Amino acid sequence: MSHWLLRYDLAPDYLDRRAALRADHLAVAWAASDAGDLLLGGAVGDAPSEALLLFTTAAAAEAFAARDPCVSGGLVTAWRVEEWKTVVGPAAATPLR
């Protein structure tokens, strides 16, 4: 198993515009979670400029971004998928002691 972060850069007016897309975005997110692909996700900070979503595969992260209404709706200005080499904790992909 490995972990993959989908990193979103958010539009400056993200908080003002997200209400119109939030229900559809959350439906896509919960579907990915229910499928076991998305482990955690959310915006970072009180006035978020980014969001982080943790996936089990790079392909699942890329597919999510391709169908996320926040991406197609312009709330996400850029996104990238990066492997997260988790080494500590009960869910670490490669535990090191």
PDB file of N, CA and C in Angstrom:
ATOM      1  N   MET A   1       0.838  -1.191   0.000  1.00  0.00           N
ATOM      2  CA  MET A   1       0.000   0.000   0.000  1.00  0.00           C
ATOM      3  C   MET A   1       0.875   1.244   0.000  1.00  0.00           C
ATOM      4  N   SER A   2       0.394   2.281  -0.616  1.00  0.00           N
ATOM      5  CA  SER A   2       1.067   3.577  -0.559  1.00  0.00           C
ATOM      6  C   SER A   2       0.007   4.648  -0.395  1.00  0.00           C
ATOM      7  N   HIS A   3       0.458   5.842  -0.092  1.00  0.00           N
ATOM      8  CA  HIS A   3      -0.438   6.984   0.068  1.00  0.00           C
ATOM      9  C   HIS A   3      -0.094   8.029  -0.980  1.00  0.00           C
ATOM     10  N   TRP A   4      -1.136   8.682  -1.469  1.00  0.00           N
ATOM     11  CA  TRP A   4      -0.976   9.713  -2.490  1.00  0.00           C
ATOM     12  C   TRP A   4      -1.784  10.933  -2.091  1.00  0.00           C
ATOM     13  N   LEU A   5      -1.142  12.104  -2.133  1.00  0.00           N
ATOM     14  CA  LEU A   5      -1.815  13.360  -1.824  1.00  0.00           C
ATOM     15  C   LEU A   5      -2.240  14.047  -3.117  1.00  0.00           C
ATOM     16  N   LEU A   6      -3.499  14.411  -3.169  1.00  0.00           N
ATOM     17  CA  LEU A   6      -3.994  15.310  -4.200  1.00  0.00           C
ATOM     18  C   LEU A   6      -3.994  16.687  -3.561  1.00  0.00           C
ATOM     19  N   ARG A   7      -3.158  17.568  -4.087  1.00  0.00           N
ATOM     20  CA  ARG A   7      -3.002  18.908  -3.527  1.00  0.00           C
ATOM     21  C   ARG A   7      -3.693  19.907  -4.446  1.00  0.00           C
ATOM     22  N   TYR A   8      -4.605  20.662  -3.872  1.00  0.00           N
ATOM     23  CA  TYR A   8      -5.350  21.678  -4.609  1.00  0.00           C
ATOM     24  C   TYR A   8      -4.873  23.063  -4.193  1.00  0.00           C
ATOM     25  N   ASP A   9      -4.625  23.929  -5.165  1.00  0.00           N
ATOM     26  CA  ASP A   9      -4.481  25.357  -4.920  1.00  0.00           C
ATOM     27  C   ASP A   9      -5.870  25.955  -5.148  1.00  0.00           C
ATOM     28  N   LEU A  10      -6.342  26.721  -4.187  1.00  0.00           N
ATOM     29  CA  LEU A  10      -7.707  27.242  -4.241  1.00  0.00           C
ATOM     30  C   LEU A  10      -7.741  28.700  -4.696  1.00  0.00           C
ATOM     31  N   ALA A  11      -8.802  29.043  -5.406  1.00  0.00           N
ATOM     32  CA  ALA A  11      -9.003  30.420  -5.864  1.00  0.00           C
ATOM     33  C   ALA A  11      -9.117  31.358  -4.662  1.00  0.00           C
ATOM     34  N   PRO A  12      -8.680  32.599  -4.809  1.00  0.00           N
ATOM     35  CA  PRO A  12      -8.760  33.550  -3.695  1.00  0.00           C
ATOM     36  C   PRO A  12     -10.175  33.742  -3.156  1.00  0.00           C
ATOM     37  N   ASP A  13     -11.183  33.612  -4.008  1.00  0.00           N
ATOM     38  CA  ASP A  13     -12.567  33.786  -3.566  1.00  0.00           C
ATOM     39  C   ASP A  13     -13.265  32.437  -3.307  1.00  0.00           C
ATOM     40  N   TYR A  14     -12.483  31.424  -2.988  1.00  0.00           N
ATOM     41  CA  TYR A  14     -12.986  30.068  -2.744  1.00  0.00           C
ATOM     42  C   TYR A  14     -14.148  30.051  -1.752  1.00  0.00           C
ATOM     43  N   LEU A  15     -13.987  30.697  -0.613  1.00  0.00           N
ATOM     44  CA  LEU A  15     -15.038  30.663   0.413  1.00  0.00           C
ATOM     45  C   LEU A  15     -16.322  31.333  -0.069  1.00  0.00           C
ATOM     46  N   ASP A  16     -16.195  32.367  -0.882  1.00  0.00           N
ATOM     47  CA  ASP A  16     -17.369  33.076  -1.381  1.00  0.00           C
ATOM     48  C   ASP A  16     -18.148  32.259  -2.420  1.00  0.00           C
ATOM     49  N   ARG A  17     -17.442  31.397  -3.176  1.00  0.00           N
ATOM     50  CA  ARG A  17     -18.074  30.692  -4.292  1.00  0.00           C
ATOM     51  C   ARG A  17     -18.330  29.205  -4.055  1.00  0.00           C
ATOM     52  N   ARG A  18     -17.829  28.635  -2.980  1.00  0.00           N
ATOM     53  CA  ARG A  18     -17.910  27.181  -2.833  1.00  0.00           C
ATOM     54  C   ARG A  18     -19.317  26.651  -2.604  1.00  0.00           C
ATOM     55  N   ALA A  19     -20.223  27.434  -2.056  1.00  0.00           N
ATOM     56  CA  ALA A  19     -21.571  26.952  -1.748  1.00  0.00           C
ATOM     57  C   ALA A  19     -22.271  26.375  -2.984  1.00  0.00           C
ATOM     58  N   ALA A  20     -22.058  26.969  -4.138  1.00  0.00           N
ATOM     59  CA  ALA A  20     -22.726  26.515  -5.358  1.00  0.00           C
ATOM     60  C   ALA A  20     -22.264  25.133  -5.813  1.00  0.00           C
ATOM     61  N   LEU A  21     -21.057  24.744  -5.440  1.00  0.00           N
ATOM     62  CA  LEU A  21     -20.491  23.467  -5.895  1.00  0.00           C
ATOM     63  C   LEU A  21     -20.308  22.446  -4.780  1.00  0.00           C
ATOM     64  N   ARG A  22     -20.525  22.858  -3.558  1.00  0.00           N
ATOM     65  CA  ARG A  22     -20.159  22.022  -2.413  1.00  0.00           C
ATOM     66  C   ARG A  22     -20.907  20.689  -2.367  1.00  0.00           C
ATOM     67  N   ALA A  23     -22.207  20.685  -2.581  1.00  0.00           N
ATOM     68  CA  ALA A  23     -22.965  19.434  -2.498  1.00  0.00           C
ATOM     69  C   ALA A  23     -22.480  18.436  -3.546  1.00  0.00           C
ATOM     70  N   ASP A  24     -22.257  18.897  -4.766  1.00  0.00           N
ATOM     71  CA  ASP A  24     -21.774  18.006  -5.825  1.00  0.00           C
ATOM     72  C   ASP A  24     -20.355  17.522  -5.538  1.00  0.00           C
ATOM     73  N   HIS A  25     -19.511  18.415  -5.047  1.00  0.00           N
ATOM     74  CA  HIS A  25     -18.138  18.046  -4.683  1.00  0.00           C
ATOM     75  C   HIS A  25     -18.152  16.983  -3.582  1.00  0.00           C
ATOM     76  N   LEU A  26     -18.957  17.200  -2.553  1.00  0.00           N
ATOM     77  CA  LEU A  26     -19.012  16.236  -1.455  1.00  0.00           C
ATOM     78  C   LEU A  26     -19.594  14.893  -1.906  1.00  0.00           C
ATOM     79  N   ALA A  27     -20.511  14.895  -2.840  1.00  0.00           N
ATOM     80  CA  ALA A  27     -21.053  13.633  -3.361  1.00  0.00           C
ATOM     81  C   ALA A  27     -19.958  12.831  -4.064  1.00  0.00           C
ATOM     82  N   VAL A  28     -19.135  13.509  -4.856  1.00  0.00           N
ATOM     83  CA  VAL A  28     -18.018  12.844  -5.533  1.00  0.00           C
ATOM     84  C   VAL A  28     -17.008  12.349  -4.497  1.00  0.00           C
ATOM     85  N   ALA A  29     -16.747  13.178  -3.489  1.00  0.00           N
ATOM     86  CA  ALA A  29     -15.782  12.804  -2.450  1.00  0.00           C
ATOM     87  C   ALA A  29     -16.258  11.604  -1.638  1.00  0.00           C
ATOM     88  N   TRP A  30     -17.514  11.613  -1.221  1.00  0.00           N
ATOM     89  CA  TRP A  30     -18.025  10.481  -0.435  1.00  0.00           C
ATOM     90  C   TRP A  30     -18.088   9.214  -1.269  1.00  0.00           C
ATOM     91  N   ALA A  31     -18.369   9.329  -2.554  1.00  0.00           N
ATOM     92  CA  ALA A  31     -18.355   8.146  -3.421  1.00  0.00           C
ATOM     93  C   ALA A  31     -16.950   7.552  -3.489  1.00  0.00           C
ATOM     94  N   ALA A  32     -15.939   8.413  -3.593  1.00  0.00           N
ATOM     95  CA  ALA A  32     -14.555   7.935  -3.609  1.00  0.00           C
ATOM     96  C   ALA A  32     -14.172   7.327  -2.268  1.00  0.00           C
ATOM     97  N   SER A  33     -14.654   7.914  -1.191  1.00  0.00           N
ATOM     98  CA  SER A  33     -14.397   7.367   0.143  1.00  0.00           C
ATOM     99  C   SER A  33     -15.082   6.011   0.318  1.00  0.00           C
ATOM    100  N   ASP A  34     -16.335   5.928  -0.087  1.00  0.00           N
ATOM    101  CA  ASP A  34     -17.074   4.667   0.026  1.00  0.00           C
ATOM    102  C   ASP A  34     -16.430   3.556  -0.796  1.00  0.00           C
ATOM    103  N   ALA A  35     -15.783   3.919  -1.909  1.00  0.00           N
ATOM    104  CA  ALA A  35     -15.091   2.945  -2.756  1.00  0.00           C
ATOM    105  C   ALA A  35     -13.746   2.525  -2.171  1.00  0.00           C
ATOM    106  N   GLY A  36     -13.309   3.217  -1.100  1.00  0.00           N
ATOM    107  CA  GLY A  36     -12.030   2.901  -0.469  1.00  0.00           C
ATOM    108  C   GLY A  36     -10.843   3.613  -1.070  1.00  0.00           C
ATOM    109  N   ASP A  37     -11.091   4.545  -2.005  1.00  0.00           N
ATOM    110  CA  ASP A  37      -9.997   5.266  -2.665  1.00  0.00           C
ATOM    111  C   ASP A  37      -9.545   6.503  -1.903  1.00  0.00           C
ATOM    112  N   LEU A  38     -10.483   7.249  -1.349  1.00  0.00           N
ATOM    113  CA  LEU A  38     -10.205   8.500  -0.634  1.00  0.00           C
ATOM    114  C   LEU A  38     -10.255   8.229   0.865  1.00  0.00           C
ATOM    115  N   LEU A  39      -9.137   8.482   1.544  1.00  0.00           N
ATOM    116  CA  LEU A  39      -9.051   8.209   2.980  1.00  0.00           C
ATOM    117  C   LEU A  39      -9.408   9.417   3.826  1.00  0.00           C
ATOM    118  N   LEU A  40      -8.960  10.591   3.422  1.00  0.00           N
ATOM    119  CA  LEU A  40      -9.210  11.845   4.137  1.00  0.00           C
ATOM    120  C   LEU A  40      -9.180  12.984   3.136  1.00  0.00           C
ATOM    121  N   GLY A  41      -9.874  14.063   3.446  1.00  0.00           N
ATOM    122  CA  GLY A  41      -9.804  15.218   2.578  1.00  0.00           C
ATOM    123  C   GLY A  41     -10.380  16.443   3.244  1.00  0.00           C
ATOM    124  N   GLY A  42      -9.886  17.607   2.840  1.00  0.00           N
ATOM    125  CA  GLY A  42     -10.427  18.847   3.356  1.00  0.00           C
ATOM    126  C   GLY A  42      -9.540  20.034   3.054  1.00  0.00           C
ATOM    127  N   ALA A  43     -10.130  21.212   3.237  1.00  0.00           N
ATOM    128  CA  ALA A  43      -9.398  22.465   3.058  1.00  0.00           C
ATOM    129  C   ALA A  43      -8.487  22.691   4.262  1.00  0.00           C
ATOM    130  N   VAL A  44      -7.421  23.440   4.049  1.00  0.00           N
ATOM    131  CA  VAL A  44      -6.425  23.697   5.085  1.00  0.00           C
ATOM    132  C   VAL A  44      -6.564  25.131   5.574  1.00  0.00           C
ATOM    133  N   GLY A  45      -6.796  25.310   6.875  1.00  0.00           N
ATOM    134  CA  GLY A  45      -6.840  26.634   7.485  1.00  0.00           C
ATOM    135  C   GLY A  45      -8.216  27.270   7.482  1.00  0.00           C
ATOM    136  N   ASP A  46      -8.324  28.393   8.185  1.00  0.00           N
ATOM    137  CA  ASP A  46      -9.586  29.114   8.299  1.00  0.00           C
ATOM    138  C   ASP A  46      -9.928  29.901   7.038  1.00  0.00           C
ATOM    139  N   ALA A  47      -8.933  30.442   6.394  1.00  0.00           N
ATOM    140  CA  ALA A  47      -9.102  31.125   5.111  1.00  0.00           C
ATOM    141  C   ALA A  47      -8.267  30.331   4.103  1.00  0.00           C
ATOM    142  N   PRO A  48      -8.794  29.179   3.683  1.00  0.00           N
ATOM    143  CA  PRO A  48      -7.952  28.212   2.974  1.00  0.00           C
ATOM    144  C   PRO A  48      -7.461  28.695   1.612  1.00  0.00           C
ATOM    145  N   SER A  49      -6.191  28.413   1.365  1.00  0.00           N
ATOM    146  CA  SER A  49      -5.606  28.640   0.049  1.00  0.00           C
ATOM    147  C   SER A  49      -5.269  27.314  -0.617  1.00  0.00           C
ATOM    148  N   GLU A  50      -5.425  26.221   0.148  1.00  0.00           N
ATOM    149  CA  GLU A  50      -5.183  24.903  -0.417  1.00  0.00           C
ATOM    150  C   GLU A  50      -6.072  23.861   0.254  1.00  0.00           C
ATOM    151  N   ALA A  51      -6.180  22.720  -0.404  1.00  0.00           N
ATOM    152  CA  ALA A  51      -6.888  21.574   0.155  1.00  0.00           C
ATOM    153  C   ALA A  51      -6.020  20.347  -0.081  1.00  0.00           C
ATOM    154  N   LEU A  52      -6.141  19.377   0.819  1.00  0.00           N
ATOM    155  CA  LEU A  52      -5.385  18.132   0.720  1.00  0.00           C
ATOM    156  C   LEU A  52      -6.354  16.968   0.770  1.00  0.00           C
ATOM    157  N   LEU A  53      -6.158  16.015  -0.130  1.00  0.00           N
ATOM    158  CA  LEU A  53      -6.977  14.809  -0.160  1.00  0.00           C
ATOM    159  C   LEU A  53      -6.034  13.620  -0.230  1.00  0.00           C
ATOM    160  N   LEU A  54      -6.222  12.658   0.647  1.00  0.00           N
ATOM    161  CA  LEU A  54      -5.339  11.499   0.758  1.00  0.00           C
ATOM    162  C   LEU A  54      -5.983  10.297   0.078  1.00  0.00           C
ATOM    163  N   PHE A  55      -5.289   9.735  -0.911  1.00  0.00           N
ATOM    164  CA  PHE A  55      -5.788   8.618  -1.701  1.00  0.00           C
ATOM    165  C   PHE A  55      -4.888   7.394  -1.559  1.00  0.00           C
ATOM    166  N   THR A  56      -5.435   6.255  -1.964  1.00  0.00           N
ATOM    167  CA  THR A  56      -4.694   4.994  -1.918  1.00  0.00           C
ATOM    168  C   THR A  56      -3.881   4.749  -3.182  1.00  0.00           C
ATOM    169  N   THR A  57      -4.244   5.407  -4.292  1.00  0.00           N
ATOM    170  CA  THR A  57      -3.482   5.266  -5.539  1.00  0.00           C
ATOM    171  C   THR A  57      -3.423   6.605  -6.258  1.00  0.00           C
ATOM    172  N   ALA A  58      -2.386   6.765  -7.061  1.00  0.00           N
ATOM    173  CA  ALA A  58      -2.263   7.973  -7.874  1.00  0.00           C
ATOM    174  C   ALA A  58      -3.388   8.034  -8.898  1.00  0.00           C
ATOM    175  N   ALA A  59      -3.737   6.894  -9.471  1.00  0.00           N
ATOM    176  CA  ALA A  59      -4.793   6.865 -10.483  1.00  0.00           C
ATOM    177  C   ALA A  59      -6.133   7.328  -9.901  1.00  0.00           C
ATOM    178  N   ALA A  60      -6.431   6.908  -8.672  1.00  0.00           N
ATOM    179  CA  ALA A  60      -7.686   7.334  -8.027  1.00  0.00           C
ATOM    180  C   ALA A  60      -7.682   8.837  -7.784  1.00  0.00           C
ATOM    181  N   ALA A  61      -6.544   9.391  -7.378  1.00  0.00           N
ATOM    182  CA  ALA A  61      -6.442  10.829  -7.145  1.00  0.00           C
ATOM    183  C   ALA A  61      -6.644  11.605  -8.446  1.00  0.00           C
ATOM    184  N   GLU A  62      -6.019  11.146  -9.524  1.00  0.00           N
ATOM    185  CA  GLU A  62      -6.147  11.823 -10.814  1.00  0.00           C
ATOM    186  C   GLU A  62      -7.578  11.729 -11.353  1.00  0.00           C
ATOM    187  N   ALA A  63      -8.202  10.569 -11.174  1.00  0.00           N
ATOM    188  CA  ALA A  63      -9.584  10.395 -11.625  1.00  0.00           C
ATOM    189  C   ALA A  63     -10.528  11.297 -10.833  1.00  0.00           C
ATOM    190  N   PHE A  64     -10.267  11.438  -9.541  1.00  0.00           N
ATOM    191  CA  PHE A  64     -11.078  12.306  -8.708  1.00  0.00           C
ATOM    192  C   PHE A  64     -11.001  13.749  -9.209  1.00  0.00           C
ATOM    193  N   ALA A  65      -9.785  14.237  -9.430  1.00  0.00           N
ATOM    194  CA  ALA A  65      -9.609  15.616  -9.904  1.00  0.00           C
ATOM    195  C   ALA A  65     -10.309  15.822 -11.248  1.00  0.00           C
ATOM    196  N   ALA A  66     -10.308  14.806 -12.088  1.00  0.00           N
ATOM    197  CA  ALA A  66     -10.933  14.918 -13.404  1.00  0.00           C
ATOM    198  C   ALA A  66     -12.448  15.067 -13.321  1.00  0.00           C
ATOM    199  N   ARG A  67     -13.063  14.558 -12.249  1.00  0.00           N
ATOM    200  CA  ARG A  67     -14.524  14.643 -12.142  1.00  0.00           C
ATOM    201  C   ARG A  67     -15.002  15.582 -11.031  1.00  0.00           C
ATOM    202  N   ASP A  68     -14.082  16.234 -10.341  1.00  0.00           N
ATOM    203  CA  ASP A  68     -14.449  17.117  -9.235  1.00  0.00           C
ATOM    204  C   ASP A  68     -15.034  18.433  -9.762  1.00  0.00           C
ATOM    205  N   PRO A  69     -16.263  18.767  -9.364  1.00  0.00           N
ATOM    206  CA  PRO A  69     -16.866  20.030  -9.808  1.00  0.00           C
ATOM    207  C   PRO A  69     -16.092  21.264  -9.359  1.00  0.00           C
ATOM    208  N   CYS A  70     -15.334  21.161  -8.298  1.00  0.00           N
ATOM    209  CA  CYS A  70     -14.532  22.306  -7.858  1.00  0.00           C
ATOM    210  C   CYS A  70     -13.396  22.597  -8.838  1.00  0.00           C
ATOM    211  N   VAL A  71     -12.890  21.563  -9.499  1.00  0.00           N
ATOM    212  CA  VAL A  71     -11.863  21.751 -10.522  1.00  0.00           C
ATOM    213  C   VAL A  71     -12.501  22.346 -11.770  1.00  0.00           C
ATOM    214  N   SER A  72     -13.535  21.696 -12.289  1.00  0.00           N
ATOM    215  CA  SER A  72     -14.172  22.181 -13.519  1.00  0.00           C
ATOM    216  C   SER A  72     -14.858  23.527 -13.306  1.00  0.00           C
ATOM    217  N   GLY A  73     -15.266  23.826 -12.068  1.00  0.00           N
ATOM    218  CA  GLY A  73     -15.927  25.083 -11.757  1.00  0.00           C
ATOM    219  C   GLY A  73     -14.992  26.230 -11.438  1.00  0.00           C
ATOM    220  N   GLY A  74     -13.675  25.985 -11.466  1.00  0.00           N
ATOM    221  CA  GLY A  74     -12.700  27.052 -11.275  1.00  0.00           C
ATOM    222  C   GLY A  74     -12.343  27.393  -9.842  1.00  0.00           C
ATOM    223  N   LEU A  75     -12.876  26.655  -8.869  1.00  0.00           N
ATOM    224  CA  LEU A  75     -12.473  26.912  -7.477  1.00  0.00           C
ATOM    225  C   LEU A  75     -11.063  26.408  -7.206  1.00  0.00           C
ATOM    226  N   VAL A  76     -10.632  25.420  -7.964  1.00  0.00           N
ATOM    227  CA  VAL A  76      -9.272  24.898  -7.887  1.00  0.00           C
ATOM    228  C   VAL A  76      -8.498  25.489  -9.048  1.00  0.00           C
ATOM    229  N   THR A  77      -7.431  26.221  -8.734  1.00  0.00           N
ATOM    230  CA  THR A  77      -6.654  26.892  -9.782  1.00  0.00           C
ATOM    231  C   THR A  77      -5.524  26.024 -10.309  1.00  0.00           C
ATOM    232  N   ALA A  78      -5.100  25.040  -9.522  1.00  0.00           N
ATOM    233  CA  ALA A  78      -4.065  24.094  -9.942  1.00  0.00           C
ATOM    234  C   ALA A  78      -4.148  22.886  -9.021  1.00  0.00           C
ATOM    235  N   TRP A  79      -3.733  21.739  -9.545  1.00  0.00           N
ATOM    236  CA  TRP A  79      -3.695  20.544  -8.709  1.00  0.00           C
ATOM    237  C   TRP A  79      -2.527  19.671  -9.132  1.00  0.00           C
ATOM    238  N   ARG A  80      -2.082  18.835  -8.192  1.00  0.00           N
ATOM    239  CA  ARG A  80      -0.994  17.911  -8.457  1.00  0.00           C
ATOM    240  C   ARG A  80      -1.133  16.705  -7.537  1.00  0.00           C
ATOM    241  N   VAL A  81      -0.634  15.591  -7.982  1.00  0.00           N
ATOM    242  CA  VAL A  81      -0.651  14.355  -7.206  1.00  0.00           C
ATOM    243  C   VAL A  81       0.789  14.012  -6.841  1.00  0.00           C
ATOM    244  N   GLU A  82       1.019  13.770  -5.547  1.00  0.00           N
ATOM    245  CA  GLU A  82       2.363  13.449  -5.062  1.00  0.00           C
ATOM    246  C   GLU A  82       2.300  12.259  -4.128  1.00  0.00           C
ATOM    247  N   GLU A  83       3.278  11.381  -4.237  1.00  0.00           N
ATOM    248  CA  GLU A  83       3.343  10.265  -3.301  1.00  0.00           C
ATOM    249  C   GLU A  83       3.747  10.795  -1.930  1.00  0.00           C
ATOM    250  N   TRP A  84       3.070  10.322  -0.906  1.00  0.00           N
ATOM    251  CA  TRP A  84       3.389  10.677   0.471  1.00  0.00           C
ATOM    252  C   TRP A  84       3.956   9.427   1.124  1.00  0.00           C
ATOM    253  N   LYS A  85       5.203   9.462   1.454  1.00  0.00           N
ATOM    254  CA  LYS A  85       5.888   8.307   2.020  1.00  0.00           C
ATOM    255  C   LYS A  85       5.652   8.274   3.530  1.00  0.00           C
ATOM    256  N   THR A  86       4.558   7.652   3.928  1.00  0.00           N
ATOM    257  CA  THR A  86       4.182   7.592   5.341  1.00  0.00           C
ATOM    258  C   THR A  86       4.960   6.482   6.029  1.00  0.00           C
ATOM    259  N   VAL A  87       5.582   6.823   7.179  1.00  0.00           N
ATOM    260  CA  VAL A  87       6.458   5.870   7.860  1.00  0.00           C
ATOM    261  C   VAL A  87       6.141   5.683   9.341  1.00  0.00           C
ATOM    262  N   VAL A  88       5.271   6.524   9.904  1.00  0.00           N
ATOM    263  CA  VAL A  88       4.947   6.427  11.333  1.00  0.00           C
ATOM    264  C   VAL A  88       3.434   6.441  11.495  1.00  0.00           C
ATOM    265  N   GLY A  89       2.946   5.594  12.381  1.00  0.00           N
ATOM    266  CA  GLY A  89       1.526   5.538  12.694  1.00  0.00           C
ATOM    267  C   GLY A  89       0.919   4.220  12.253  1.00  0.00           C
ATOM    268  N   PRO A  90      -0.237   3.906  12.811  1.00  0.00           N
ATOM    269  CA  PRO A  90      -0.850   2.612  12.522  1.00  0.00           C
ATOM    270  C   PRO A  90      -1.269   2.439  11.062  1.00  0.00           C
ATOM    271  N   ALA A  91      -1.477   3.506  10.332  1.00  0.00           N
ATOM    272  CA  ALA A  91      -1.873   3.399   8.931  1.00  0.00           C
ATOM    273  C   ALA A  91      -0.726   3.696   7.974  1.00  0.00           C
ATOM    274  N   ALA A  92       0.496   3.802   8.486  1.00  0.00           N
ATOM    275  CA  ALA A  92       1.652   4.110   7.630  1.00  0.00           C
ATOM    276  C   ALA A  92       1.813   3.052   6.551  1.00  0.00           C
ATOM    277  N   ALA A  93       2.144   3.506   5.338  1.00  0.00           N
ATOM    278  CA  ALA A  93       2.324   2.584   4.233  1.00  0.00           C
ATOM    279  C   ALA A  93       3.595   1.747   4.411  1.00  0.00           C
ATOM    280  N   THR A  94       4.645   2.365   4.935  1.00  0.00           N
ATOM    281  CA  THR A  94       5.921   1.670   5.153  1.00  0.00           C
ATOM    282  C   THR A  94       6.420   2.010   6.550  1.00  0.00           C
ATOM    283  N   PRO A  95       5.874   1.349   7.572  1.00  0.00           N
ATOM    284  CA  PRO A  95       6.266   1.683   8.941  1.00  0.00           C
ATOM    285  C   PRO A  95       7.752   1.436   9.200  1.00  0.00           C
ATOM    286  N   LEU A  96       8.395   2.417   9.794  1.00  0.00           N
ATOM    287  CA  LEU A  96       9.808   2.293  10.186  1.00  0.00           C
ATOM    288  C   LEU A  96       9.903   2.458  11.687  1.00  0.00           C
ATOM    289  N   ARG A  97      10.531   1.516  12.328  1.00  0.00           N
ATOM    290  CA  ARG A  97      10.750   1.590  13.780  1.00  0.00           C
ATOM    291  C   ARG A  97      12.206   1.504  14.085  1.00  0.00           C
TER     292      ARG A  97
END
